[in-house]
Each structure stands twice: as C-alpha cells, then as structure tokens.
C-alpha cells in the first residue's frame, strides 16, 4: 500500500511535469508565431492521404493532453525502452503541435526498433515540419528499404522536388506511382499531374 507521503511526492512530480510541459509549449508556440513556416502534416500513414496534407498539427495543449503526456512519461520512467510508449508520446507531442518533441521520441523509438517502417515514416514527416529536409528524405528512403510504400514514395518525391532540387529522382518516383496498378486513384492522379508540370 502506498503511503501518504509517497502519494504526495507522486502528485508533486506530476504537477511539476505538467508545469514544465506547459512552459515548453508556450515557448514553442511563441517561436512559431515569430518564425512562420509551412504547416502541413499527416498524423499517420494512410493510403488515402499519402502526403503532407490532411489534418495539421493542433496548436494547443489542453489539460487532457498534458495529463496524457504526464501519464506516458510516468510509464516511460518504469520502462524506458518501451517502443510503444515512445510511439504514443511521439503522437501526443505531434497532436499538441510540438514537432521537436515528437521527433525526439520517434528517434528514441527507432533506436529500440530500427526496422519500424511506421516510425521512419512519421519521423520523415516531423523532420519535414522542422525544415530538416535531407534527414526527412533519409527517413522516407529508409521506409522504402523496409517495404514498398507508395505514400512514403510520394512524400520522398515531394521532398526531392520541392526542397532538395533532385528533379530527376523525383520524376522517377512520380512515374513509378503513376504506373502502379495498386496505387490509390487520387495518389496516381496527383503523381500524373506533377509529372505533367515537370514536362
């Protein structure tokens, strides 16, 4: 049975963590206001939303999200090498608009399970959000080493074309997507439209 002093220490630790997370969010939000950038993201790998569009990152930390993060951090203290908890924390930070925090937990998750295509895919998106385009491309390239993923291929082509000036590499990837029999129709059409614009 937990003593009253242990409960008080646990409550104090959670309160301090919550205050720290709130301060981190406020600092991050202030930075974003002063340094606007592209704000495109997807929350997870989806065949029907295979790009940097879709649902964007939220811009506010609620009490629920702070409690969720605090609870996951408490789980992590007990099992620091838990891949699933790291992935959940990455998603929780992404949901409150903290790409840096999300990327940090994804990198730690990938140190535990380097063959996670989902981890590399999500890291690619967060690194894109942070303007780390070379690293974003490497993450999507790693997904393609692990599995044939047309969403990752499309995102890699976008990074190559829009950010890294690798037009020929991008053209090759868009061509593969446009010709892929199993590609979702909207993805195939977008790839074809981009190919036409590159002519």
N, C-alpha and C. Protein backbone atom coordinates (compact mmCIF):
# COMPACT_ATOMS: atom_id res chain seq x y z
N UNK A 1 0.85 -1.20 0.00
CA UNK A 1 0.00 0.00 0.00
C UNK A 1 0.88 1.24 0.00
N UNK A 2 0.53 2.22 -0.79
CA UNK A 2 1.32 3.43 -0.92
C UNK A 2 1.03 4.38 0.25
N UNK A 3 2.10 4.90 0.84
CA UNK A 3 1.92 5.81 1.98
C UNK A 3 1.46 7.18 1.50
N UNK A 4 0.95 7.99 2.43
CA UNK A 4 0.51 9.34 2.09
C UNK A 4 1.66 10.17 1.55
N UNK A 5 2.86 10.00 2.12
CA UNK A 5 4.00 10.79 1.64
C UNK A 5 4.39 10.39 0.22
N UNK A 6 4.28 9.09 -0.12
CA UNK A 6 4.57 8.65 -1.49
C UNK A 6 3.56 9.22 -2.48
N UNK A 7 2.29 9.23 -2.09
CA UNK A 7 1.25 9.80 -2.96
C UNK A 7 1.51 11.29 -3.18
N UNK A 8 1.89 11.99 -2.11
CA UNK A 8 2.16 13.42 -2.21
C UNK A 8 3.35 13.68 -3.14
N UNK A 9 4.40 12.86 -3.02
CA UNK A 9 5.57 13.00 -3.89
C UNK A 9 5.17 12.74 -5.34
N UNK A 10 4.37 11.70 -5.60
CA UNK A 10 3.92 11.41 -6.96
C UNK A 10 3.08 12.55 -7.53
N UNK A 11 2.15 13.09 -6.73
CA UNK A 11 1.32 14.21 -7.19
C UNK A 11 2.18 15.44 -7.48
N UNK A 12 3.17 15.70 -6.63
CA UNK A 12 4.06 16.85 -6.84
C UNK A 12 4.87 16.66 -8.11
N UNK A 13 5.34 15.44 -8.36
CA UNK A 13 6.12 15.16 -9.57
C UNK A 13 5.27 15.38 -10.82
N UNK A 14 4.03 14.91 -10.78
CA UNK A 14 3.14 15.09 -11.94
C UNK A 14 2.82 16.57 -12.14
N UNK A 15 2.62 17.30 -11.05
CA UNK A 15 2.33 18.73 -11.16
C UNK A 15 3.53 19.47 -11.77
N UNK A 16 4.74 19.14 -11.33
CA UNK A 16 5.94 19.78 -11.88
C UNK A 16 6.12 19.44 -13.36
N UNK A 17 5.88 18.17 -13.70
CA UNK A 17 5.98 17.77 -15.09
C UNK A 17 4.97 18.52 -15.95
N UNK A 18 3.75 18.65 -15.44
CA UNK A 18 2.70 19.36 -16.17
C UNK A 18 3.08 20.82 -16.38
N UNK A 19 3.61 21.46 -15.34
CA UNK A 19 4.05 22.86 -15.47
C UNK A 19 5.19 22.98 -16.47
N UNK A 20 6.12 22.04 -16.43
CA UNK A 20 7.24 22.06 -17.37
C UNK A 20 6.78 21.91 -18.81
N UNK A 21 5.82 20.98 -19.04
CA UNK A 21 5.29 20.79 -20.38
C UNK A 21 4.55 22.04 -20.87
N UNK A 22 3.80 22.67 -19.97
CA UNK A 22 3.09 23.90 -20.35
C UNK A 22 4.08 24.99 -20.72
N UNK A 23 5.16 25.13 -19.95
CA UNK A 23 6.18 26.15 -20.27
C UNK A 23 6.83 25.85 -21.61
N UNK A 24 7.12 24.57 -21.87
CA UNK A 24 7.73 24.17 -23.14
C UNK A 24 6.79 24.50 -24.30
N UNK A 25 5.50 24.22 -24.13
CA UNK A 25 4.55 24.52 -25.19
C UNK A 25 4.47 26.02 -25.46
N UNK A 26 4.40 26.82 -24.41
CA UNK A 26 4.31 28.28 -24.57
C UNK A 26 5.53 28.80 -25.32
N UNK A 27 6.72 28.31 -24.96
CA UNK A 27 7.94 28.74 -25.65
C UNK A 27 7.91 28.33 -27.11
N UNK A 28 7.45 27.09 -27.39
CA UNK A 28 7.37 26.61 -28.76
C UNK A 28 6.36 27.42 -29.56
N UNK A 29 5.20 27.72 -28.97
CA UNK A 29 4.17 28.49 -29.65
C UNK A 29 4.66 29.91 -29.97
N UNK A 30 5.36 30.53 -29.01
CA UNK A 30 5.90 31.87 -29.23
C UNK A 30 6.90 31.87 -30.37
N UNK A 31 7.73 30.83 -30.43
CA UNK A 31 8.71 30.72 -31.51
C UNK A 31 8.00 30.63 -32.85
N UNK A 32 6.95 29.78 -32.92
CA UNK A 32 6.22 29.61 -34.17
C UNK A 32 5.58 30.91 -34.65
N UNK A 33 5.06 31.70 -33.72
CA UNK A 33 4.46 32.97 -34.11
C UNK A 33 5.49 33.90 -34.74
N UNK A 34 6.70 33.90 -34.20
CA UNK A 34 7.74 34.77 -34.73
C UNK A 34 8.46 34.22 -35.94
N UNK A 35 8.32 32.90 -36.21
CA UNK A 35 9.01 32.24 -37.30
C UNK A 35 8.04 31.35 -38.08
N UNK A 36 7.15 31.97 -38.84
CA UNK A 36 6.15 31.17 -39.55
C UNK A 36 6.79 30.28 -40.61
N UNK A 37 6.22 29.11 -40.81
CA UNK A 37 6.73 28.19 -41.82
C UNK A 37 5.56 27.39 -42.38
N UNK A 38 5.88 26.57 -43.39
CA UNK A 38 4.86 25.67 -43.91
C UNK A 38 4.32 24.84 -42.76
N UNK A 39 3.04 24.59 -42.79
CA UNK A 39 2.44 23.84 -41.68
C UNK A 39 1.57 22.74 -42.24
N UNK A 40 2.21 21.71 -42.78
CA UNK A 40 1.47 20.60 -43.36
C UNK A 40 1.90 19.33 -42.66
N UNK A 41 0.94 18.43 -42.44
CA UNK A 41 1.26 17.20 -41.72
C UNK A 41 0.17 16.18 -41.88
N UNK A 42 0.54 14.92 -41.72
CA UNK A 42 -0.46 13.88 -41.52
C UNK A 42 -0.14 13.20 -40.22
N UNK A 43 -1.17 12.69 -39.56
CA UNK A 43 -0.96 12.10 -38.25
C UNK A 43 -0.42 10.69 -38.35
N UNK A 44 -0.73 9.99 -39.42
CA UNK A 44 -0.27 8.62 -39.54
C UNK A 44 -0.27 8.23 -41.01
N UNK A 45 0.38 7.11 -41.29
CA UNK A 45 0.47 6.62 -42.65
C UNK A 45 -0.91 6.15 -43.10
N UNK A 46 -1.43 6.77 -44.17
CA UNK A 46 -2.74 6.39 -44.68
C UNK A 46 -2.66 6.35 -46.19
N UNK A 47 -3.14 5.27 -46.77
CA UNK A 47 -3.07 5.13 -48.22
C UNK A 47 -3.88 6.20 -48.94
N UNK A 48 -4.96 6.67 -48.32
CA UNK A 48 -5.80 7.65 -49.00
C UNK A 48 -5.41 9.09 -48.69
N UNK A 49 -4.39 9.31 -47.86
CA UNK A 49 -3.88 10.65 -47.60
C UNK A 49 -2.35 10.60 -47.58
N UNK A 50 -1.73 10.30 -48.73
CA UNK A 50 -0.32 9.98 -48.75
C UNK A 50 0.58 11.18 -49.00
N UNK A 51 0.43 12.23 -48.24
CA UNK A 51 1.29 13.37 -48.48
C UNK A 51 1.38 14.20 -47.22
N UNK A 52 1.83 15.43 -47.37
CA UNK A 52 1.96 16.31 -46.22
C UNK A 52 0.70 17.12 -45.98
N UNK A 53 -0.40 16.77 -46.64
CA UNK A 53 -1.67 17.46 -46.44
C UNK A 53 -2.47 16.75 -45.36
N UNK A 54 -3.76 16.99 -45.36
CA UNK A 54 -4.59 16.33 -44.36
C UNK A 54 -4.63 17.11 -43.07
N UNK A 55 -4.91 16.40 -41.99
CA UNK A 55 -5.07 17.04 -40.68
C UNK A 55 -3.74 17.60 -40.20
N UNK A 56 -3.72 18.87 -39.89
CA UNK A 56 -2.50 19.50 -39.42
C UNK A 56 -2.31 19.31 -37.93
N UNK A 57 -1.16 19.73 -37.43
CA UNK A 57 -0.91 19.61 -36.01
C UNK A 57 -1.76 20.62 -35.26
N UNK A 58 -2.27 20.20 -34.13
CA UNK A 58 -3.05 21.10 -33.30
C UNK A 58 -2.13 22.18 -32.73
N UNK A 59 -2.72 23.26 -32.27
CA UNK A 59 -1.88 24.35 -31.78
C UNK A 59 -2.15 24.67 -30.32
N UNK A 60 -2.64 23.69 -29.55
CA UNK A 60 -2.88 23.97 -28.16
C UNK A 60 -2.75 22.75 -27.28
N UNK A 61 -2.19 22.97 -26.10
CA UNK A 61 -2.09 21.89 -25.14
C UNK A 61 -3.23 22.03 -24.14
N UNK A 62 -4.06 21.02 -24.06
CA UNK A 62 -5.18 21.02 -23.13
C UNK A 62 -4.79 20.27 -21.86
N UNK A 63 -5.65 20.36 -20.88
CA UNK A 63 -5.40 19.62 -19.65
C UNK A 63 -5.34 18.11 -19.92
N UNK A 64 -6.23 17.65 -20.80
CA UNK A 64 -6.23 16.23 -21.15
C UNK A 64 -4.92 15.82 -21.80
N UNK A 65 -4.44 16.64 -22.73
CA UNK A 65 -3.19 16.28 -23.41
C UNK A 65 -2.01 16.33 -22.44
N UNK A 66 -2.01 17.29 -21.51
CA UNK A 66 -0.94 17.34 -20.51
C UNK A 66 -0.98 16.11 -19.62
N UNK A 67 -2.18 15.70 -19.23
CA UNK A 67 -2.31 14.52 -18.38
C UNK A 67 -1.89 13.26 -19.14
N UNK A 68 -2.25 13.20 -20.41
CA UNK A 68 -1.86 12.05 -21.23
C UNK A 68 -0.34 11.96 -21.32
N UNK A 69 0.30 13.10 -21.61
CA UNK A 69 1.76 13.11 -21.73
C UNK A 69 2.40 12.77 -20.39
N UNK A 70 1.88 13.33 -19.31
CA UNK A 70 2.43 13.04 -17.98
C UNK A 70 2.30 11.55 -17.66
N UNK A 71 1.17 10.95 -17.99
CA UNK A 71 0.97 9.53 -17.75
C UNK A 71 1.92 8.67 -18.56
N UNK A 72 2.13 9.04 -19.82
CA UNK A 72 3.07 8.30 -20.67
C UNK A 72 4.51 8.45 -20.17
N UNK A 73 4.85 9.66 -19.69
CA UNK A 73 6.19 9.88 -19.15
C UNK A 73 6.39 9.02 -17.89
N UNK A 74 5.34 8.88 -17.08
CA UNK A 74 5.44 8.04 -15.89
C UNK A 74 5.67 6.58 -16.30
N UNK A 75 4.98 6.12 -17.34
CA UNK A 75 5.20 4.76 -17.85
C UNK A 75 6.62 4.59 -18.35
N UNK A 76 7.14 5.63 -18.96
CA UNK A 76 8.49 5.58 -19.52
C UNK A 76 9.56 5.49 -18.43
N UNK A 77 9.27 6.12 -17.29
CA UNK A 77 10.23 6.02 -16.17
C UNK A 77 10.35 4.57 -15.70
N UNK A 78 9.25 3.84 -15.76
CA UNK A 78 9.26 2.44 -15.35
C UNK A 78 9.92 1.56 -16.40
N UNK A 79 9.65 1.84 -17.68
CA UNK A 79 10.20 1.04 -18.78
C UNK A 79 10.74 1.98 -19.86
N UNK A 80 11.97 2.50 -19.69
CA UNK A 80 12.50 3.49 -20.63
C UNK A 80 12.69 2.97 -22.06
N UNK A 81 12.76 1.65 -22.23
CA UNK A 81 12.97 1.09 -23.56
C UNK A 81 11.70 0.52 -24.17
N UNK A 82 10.55 1.06 -23.78
CA UNK A 82 9.29 0.58 -24.31
C UNK A 82 8.96 1.30 -25.62
N UNK A 83 9.04 0.57 -26.71
CA UNK A 83 8.82 1.12 -28.05
C UNK A 83 7.42 1.74 -28.18
N UNK A 84 6.40 1.02 -27.74
CA UNK A 84 5.03 1.51 -27.90
C UNK A 84 4.79 2.81 -27.14
N UNK A 85 5.34 2.92 -25.94
CA UNK A 85 5.18 4.16 -25.17
C UNK A 85 5.86 5.32 -25.88
N UNK A 86 7.05 5.08 -26.41
CA UNK A 86 7.75 6.13 -27.18
C UNK A 86 6.90 6.59 -28.38
N UNK A 87 6.31 5.63 -29.08
CA UNK A 87 5.48 5.97 -30.24
C UNK A 87 4.24 6.75 -29.80
N UNK A 88 3.64 6.37 -28.68
CA UNK A 88 2.48 7.09 -28.18
C UNK A 88 2.86 8.51 -27.76
N UNK A 89 4.02 8.66 -27.15
CA UNK A 89 4.49 10.00 -26.78
C UNK A 89 4.75 10.85 -28.02
N UNK A 90 5.33 10.24 -29.04
CA UNK A 90 5.57 10.97 -30.29
C UNK A 90 4.26 11.50 -30.86
N UNK A 91 3.23 10.66 -30.84
CA UNK A 91 1.92 11.07 -31.35
C UNK A 91 1.30 12.15 -30.46
N UNK A 92 1.45 12.01 -29.14
CA UNK A 92 0.90 13.01 -28.22
C UNK A 92 1.55 14.37 -28.44
N UNK A 93 2.86 14.40 -28.61
CA UNK A 93 3.54 15.67 -28.87
C UNK A 93 3.15 16.23 -30.24
N UNK A 94 3.00 15.35 -31.24
CA UNK A 94 2.57 15.82 -32.56
C UNK A 94 1.19 16.47 -32.47
N UNK A 95 0.30 15.86 -31.68
CA UNK A 95 -1.06 16.37 -31.57
C UNK A 95 -1.12 17.76 -30.93
N UNK A 96 -0.16 18.10 -30.08
CA UNK A 96 -0.17 19.43 -29.47
C UNK A 96 0.71 20.41 -30.23
N UNK A 97 1.22 19.99 -31.39
CA UNK A 97 1.99 20.91 -32.23
C UNK A 97 3.47 20.98 -31.92
N UNK A 98 4.00 20.01 -31.20
CA UNK A 98 5.42 20.03 -30.85
C UNK A 98 6.17 19.02 -31.71
N UNK A 99 6.58 19.45 -32.90
CA UNK A 99 7.30 18.56 -33.82
C UNK A 99 8.65 18.14 -33.25
N UNK A 100 9.32 19.02 -32.51
CA UNK A 100 10.61 18.70 -31.92
C UNK A 100 10.48 17.57 -30.91
N UNK A 101 9.50 17.68 -30.02
CA UNK A 101 9.27 16.62 -29.03
C UNK A 101 8.87 15.32 -29.69
N UNK A 102 8.03 15.41 -30.71
CA UNK A 102 7.60 14.22 -31.44
C UNK A 102 8.79 13.54 -32.10
N UNK A 103 9.61 14.32 -32.79
CA UNK A 103 10.78 13.76 -33.48
C UNK A 103 11.74 13.11 -32.48
N UNK A 104 11.93 13.73 -31.33
CA UNK A 104 12.85 13.18 -30.32
C UNK A 104 12.38 11.80 -29.87
N UNK A 105 11.08 11.65 -29.62
CA UNK A 105 10.58 10.35 -29.18
C UNK A 105 10.58 9.33 -30.31
N UNK A 106 10.36 9.77 -31.53
CA UNK A 106 10.45 8.85 -32.67
C UNK A 106 11.88 8.34 -32.83
N UNK A 107 12.86 9.23 -32.68
CA UNK A 107 14.25 8.80 -32.79
C UNK A 107 14.61 7.80 -31.71
N UNK A 108 14.11 8.02 -30.50
CA UNK A 108 14.37 7.07 -29.41
C UNK A 108 13.65 5.74 -29.66
N UNK A 109 12.44 5.81 -30.22
CA UNK A 109 11.71 4.58 -30.55
C UNK A 109 12.47 3.80 -31.61
N UNK A 110 13.03 4.50 -32.60
CA UNK A 110 13.77 3.83 -33.67
C UNK A 110 15.10 3.27 -33.19
N UNK A 111 15.66 3.85 -32.12
CA UNK A 111 16.86 3.26 -31.53
C UNK A 111 16.53 1.90 -30.91
N UNK A 112 15.29 1.75 -30.45
CA UNK A 112 14.83 0.49 -29.86
C UNK A 112 14.45 -0.51 -30.96
N UNK A 113 13.74 -0.02 -31.98
CA UNK A 113 13.27 -0.89 -33.06
C UNK A 113 13.58 -0.21 -34.41
N UNK A 114 14.82 -0.34 -34.89
CA UNK A 114 15.23 0.37 -36.11
C UNK A 114 14.54 -0.08 -37.39
N UNK A 115 13.83 -1.22 -37.34
CA UNK A 115 13.16 -1.71 -38.54
C UNK A 115 11.67 -1.33 -38.59
N UNK A 116 11.26 -0.32 -37.82
CA UNK A 116 9.87 0.12 -37.83
C UNK A 116 9.62 1.09 -38.98
N UNK A 117 8.95 0.60 -40.02
CA UNK A 117 8.63 1.47 -41.15
C UNK A 117 7.73 2.63 -40.71
N UNK A 118 6.78 2.34 -39.82
CA UNK A 118 5.89 3.39 -39.32
C UNK A 118 6.68 4.48 -38.59
N UNK A 119 7.65 4.08 -37.78
CA UNK A 119 8.47 5.04 -37.06
C UNK A 119 9.26 5.94 -38.01
N UNK A 120 9.87 5.33 -39.03
CA UNK A 120 10.64 6.12 -40.00
C UNK A 120 9.72 7.04 -40.80
N UNK A 121 8.53 6.54 -41.15
CA UNK A 121 7.57 7.36 -41.90
C UNK A 121 7.17 8.61 -41.10
N UNK A 122 6.78 8.38 -39.84
CA UNK A 122 6.36 9.51 -39.00
C UNK A 122 7.52 10.46 -38.73
N UNK A 123 8.72 9.91 -38.55
CA UNK A 123 9.89 10.78 -38.35
C UNK A 123 10.14 11.63 -39.58
N UNK A 124 9.96 11.05 -40.76
CA UNK A 124 10.12 11.82 -42.00
C UNK A 124 9.21 13.03 -42.04
N UNK A 125 7.97 12.84 -41.59
CA UNK A 125 7.01 13.94 -41.57
C UNK A 125 7.43 15.01 -40.56
N UNK A 126 7.83 14.59 -39.36
CA UNK A 126 8.22 15.56 -38.33
C UNK A 126 9.48 16.32 -38.74
N UNK A 127 10.44 15.63 -39.36
CA UNK A 127 11.66 16.31 -39.81
C UNK A 127 11.33 17.31 -40.92
N UNK A 128 10.37 16.97 -41.77
CA UNK A 128 9.91 17.91 -42.79
C UNK A 128 9.33 19.16 -42.12
N UNK A 129 8.51 18.94 -41.09
CA UNK A 129 7.93 20.06 -40.33
C UNK A 129 9.02 20.97 -39.76
N UNK A 130 10.13 20.36 -39.36
CA UNK A 130 11.23 21.11 -38.73
C UNK A 130 12.19 21.70 -39.76
N UNK A 131 11.93 21.48 -41.04
CA UNK A 131 12.81 22.03 -42.07
C UNK A 131 14.09 21.23 -42.25
N UNK A 132 14.14 20.01 -41.73
CA UNK A 132 15.32 19.14 -41.87
C UNK A 132 15.08 18.23 -43.07
N UNK A 133 15.21 18.82 -44.27
CA UNK A 133 14.77 18.13 -45.48
C UNK A 133 15.66 16.94 -45.86
N UNK A 134 16.96 17.07 -45.71
CA UNK A 134 17.86 15.94 -46.01
C UNK A 134 17.53 14.76 -45.10
N UNK A 135 17.34 15.05 -43.81
CA UNK A 135 17.02 13.99 -42.85
C UNK A 135 15.63 13.42 -43.12
N UNK A 136 14.69 14.28 -43.50
CA UNK A 136 13.35 13.81 -43.85
C UNK A 136 13.43 12.83 -45.02
N UNK A 137 14.18 13.20 -46.04
CA UNK A 137 14.34 12.32 -47.20
C UNK A 137 14.95 10.99 -46.78
N UNK A 138 15.96 11.03 -45.91
CA UNK A 138 16.59 9.78 -45.45
C UNK A 138 15.58 8.88 -44.74
N UNK A 139 14.69 9.48 -43.97
CA UNK A 139 13.67 8.68 -43.27
C UNK A 139 12.74 8.00 -44.26
N UNK A 140 12.29 8.74 -45.29
CA UNK A 140 11.42 8.12 -46.29
C UNK A 140 12.17 7.08 -47.11
N UNK A 141 13.45 7.33 -47.39
CA UNK A 141 14.25 6.34 -48.10
C UNK A 141 14.35 5.05 -47.27
N UNK A 142 14.48 5.20 -45.95
CA UNK A 142 14.57 4.03 -45.08
C UNK A 142 13.25 3.24 -45.10
N UNK A 143 12.11 3.93 -45.13
CA UNK A 143 10.82 3.24 -45.25
C UNK A 143 10.83 2.37 -46.50
N UNK A 144 11.30 2.94 -47.62
CA UNK A 144 11.28 2.21 -48.88
C UNK A 144 12.26 1.05 -48.90
N UNK A 145 13.30 1.12 -48.08
CA UNK A 145 14.21 -0.03 -47.92
C UNK A 145 13.49 -1.16 -47.19
N UNK A 146 12.58 -0.79 -46.28
CA UNK A 146 11.88 -1.78 -45.45
C UNK A 146 10.65 -2.36 -46.14
N UNK A 147 9.96 -1.55 -46.93
CA UNK A 147 8.74 -2.01 -47.60
C UNK A 147 8.39 -1.08 -48.76
N UNK A 148 7.59 -1.62 -49.69
CA UNK A 148 7.11 -0.83 -50.82
C UNK A 148 5.91 -0.03 -50.34
N UNK A 149 6.08 1.25 -50.09
CA UNK A 149 5.03 2.09 -49.53
C UNK A 149 4.86 3.30 -50.45
N UNK A 150 3.75 3.34 -51.17
CA UNK A 150 3.55 4.41 -52.14
C UNK A 150 3.40 5.78 -51.48
N UNK A 151 2.87 5.82 -50.26
CA UNK A 151 2.76 7.10 -49.55
C UNK A 151 4.14 7.65 -49.23
N UNK A 152 5.03 6.78 -48.74
CA UNK A 152 6.40 7.21 -48.45
C UNK A 152 7.11 7.61 -49.74
N UNK A 153 6.85 6.87 -50.82
CA UNK A 153 7.46 7.19 -52.11
C UNK A 153 7.02 8.57 -52.59
N UNK A 154 5.72 8.85 -52.44
CA UNK A 154 5.19 10.14 -52.86
C UNK A 154 5.82 11.26 -52.03
N UNK A 155 5.88 11.07 -50.70
CA UNK A 155 6.47 12.09 -49.84
C UNK A 155 7.94 12.32 -50.16
N UNK A 156 8.66 11.23 -50.41
CA UNK A 156 10.07 11.37 -50.79
C UNK A 156 10.20 12.16 -52.08
N UNK A 157 9.33 11.87 -53.05
CA UNK A 157 9.37 12.61 -54.32
C UNK A 157 9.08 14.09 -54.09
N UNK A 158 8.14 14.39 -53.19
CA UNK A 158 7.84 15.79 -52.87
C UNK A 158 9.06 16.48 -52.26
N UNK A 159 9.72 15.81 -51.32
CA UNK A 159 10.91 16.40 -50.68
C UNK A 159 11.99 16.61 -51.73
N UNK A 160 12.23 15.60 -52.56
CA UNK A 160 13.23 15.74 -53.62
C UNK A 160 12.92 16.92 -54.53
N UNK A 161 11.67 16.99 -54.97
CA UNK A 161 11.28 18.00 -55.95
C UNK A 161 11.23 19.41 -55.36
N UNK A 162 10.56 19.56 -54.21
CA UNK A 162 10.33 20.90 -53.67
C UNK A 162 11.48 21.45 -52.83
N UNK A 163 12.23 20.56 -52.18
CA UNK A 163 13.21 21.06 -51.21
C UNK A 163 14.66 20.77 -51.56
N UNK A 164 14.92 19.68 -52.27
CA UNK A 164 16.31 19.27 -52.48
C UNK A 164 16.78 19.42 -53.92
N UNK A 165 15.91 19.92 -54.81
CA UNK A 165 16.25 20.14 -56.21
C UNK A 165 16.79 18.88 -56.87
N UNK A 166 16.19 17.75 -56.55
CA UNK A 166 16.53 16.47 -57.18
C UNK A 166 15.39 16.10 -58.11
N UNK A 167 15.24 16.89 -59.18
CA UNK A 167 14.09 16.77 -60.07
C UNK A 167 14.03 15.42 -60.76
N UNK A 168 15.16 14.91 -61.24
CA UNK A 168 15.15 13.64 -61.96
C UNK A 168 14.77 12.48 -61.03
N UNK A 169 15.30 12.50 -59.80
CA UNK A 169 14.93 11.46 -58.84
C UNK A 169 13.44 11.53 -58.53
N UNK A 170 12.94 12.76 -58.37
CA UNK A 170 11.51 12.94 -58.09
C UNK A 170 10.68 12.45 -59.26
N UNK A 171 11.10 12.78 -60.48
CA UNK A 171 10.36 12.36 -61.67
C UNK A 171 10.26 10.82 -61.73
N UNK A 172 11.36 10.15 -61.41
CA UNK A 172 11.36 8.69 -61.42
C UNK A 172 10.36 8.12 -60.42
N UNK A 173 10.31 8.71 -59.23
CA UNK A 173 9.37 8.22 -58.21
C UNK A 173 7.92 8.51 -58.59
N UNK A 174 7.67 9.72 -59.08
CA UNK A 174 6.30 10.05 -59.52
C UNK A 174 5.86 9.13 -60.65
N UNK A 175 6.78 8.78 -61.56
CA UNK A 175 6.45 7.88 -62.67
C UNK A 175 6.08 6.49 -62.15
N UNK A 176 6.82 6.01 -61.17
CA UNK A 176 6.52 4.69 -60.58
C UNK A 176 5.13 4.70 -59.95
N UNK A 177 4.80 5.78 -59.24
CA UNK A 177 3.49 5.87 -58.60
C UNK A 177 2.38 5.93 -59.65
N UNK A 178 2.59 6.75 -60.70
CA UNK A 178 1.58 6.90 -61.75
C UNK A 178 1.32 5.58 -62.47
N UNK A 179 2.33 4.72 -62.53
CA UNK A 179 2.20 3.44 -63.24
C UNK A 179 1.79 2.30 -62.32
N UNK A 180 1.77 2.52 -61.02
CA UNK A 180 1.49 1.44 -60.06
C UNK A 180 0.02 1.04 -60.11
N UNK A 181 -0.23 -0.21 -60.41
CA UNK A 181 -1.61 -0.70 -60.52
C UNK A 181 -2.35 -0.60 -59.19
N UNK A 182 -1.65 -0.79 -58.09
CA UNK A 182 -2.30 -0.78 -56.78
C UNK A 182 -2.36 0.58 -56.11
N UNK A 183 -1.92 1.62 -56.80
CA UNK A 183 -1.92 2.96 -56.19
C UNK A 183 -3.35 3.48 -56.05
N UNK A 184 -3.66 4.13 -54.93
CA UNK A 184 -4.98 4.76 -54.81
C UNK A 184 -5.18 5.76 -55.96
N UNK A 185 -6.38 5.83 -56.52
CA UNK A 185 -6.60 6.70 -57.69
C UNK A 185 -6.20 8.16 -57.46
N UNK A 186 -6.51 8.72 -56.29
CA UNK A 186 -6.15 10.13 -56.07
C UNK A 186 -4.64 10.31 -56.03
N UNK A 187 -3.92 9.36 -55.49
CA UNK A 187 -2.46 9.44 -55.44
C UNK A 187 -1.88 9.33 -56.84
N UNK A 188 -2.40 8.41 -57.63
CA UNK A 188 -1.93 8.24 -59.01
C UNK A 188 -2.18 9.52 -59.81
N UNK A 189 -3.37 10.12 -59.62
CA UNK A 189 -3.69 11.35 -60.36
C UNK A 189 -2.78 12.50 -59.95
N UNK A 190 -2.51 12.61 -58.67
CA UNK A 190 -1.61 13.68 -58.22
C UNK A 190 -0.21 13.50 -58.79
N UNK A 191 0.26 12.25 -58.80
CA UNK A 191 1.58 11.98 -59.37
C UNK A 191 1.60 12.33 -60.85
N UNK A 192 0.55 11.97 -61.57
CA UNK A 192 0.48 12.30 -63.01
C UNK A 192 0.45 13.80 -63.23
N UNK A 193 -0.31 14.52 -62.42
CA UNK A 193 -0.39 15.98 -62.57
C UNK A 193 0.98 16.62 -62.33
N UNK A 194 1.70 16.14 -61.34
CA UNK A 194 3.03 16.70 -61.07
C UNK A 194 3.96 16.36 -62.21
N UNK A 195 3.88 15.14 -62.74
CA UNK A 195 4.72 14.76 -63.88
C UNK A 195 4.48 15.69 -65.07
N UNK A 196 3.22 16.01 -65.34
CA UNK A 196 2.89 16.92 -66.44
C UNK A 196 3.52 18.29 -66.21
N UNK A 197 3.51 18.74 -64.97
CA UNK A 197 4.09 20.06 -64.67
C UNK A 197 5.61 20.07 -64.81
N UNK A 198 6.22 18.88 -64.77
CA UNK A 198 7.68 18.79 -64.90
C UNK A 198 8.12 18.71 -66.35
N UNK A 199 7.15 18.52 -67.27
CA UNK A 199 7.50 18.43 -68.72
C UNK A 199 7.98 19.75 -69.25
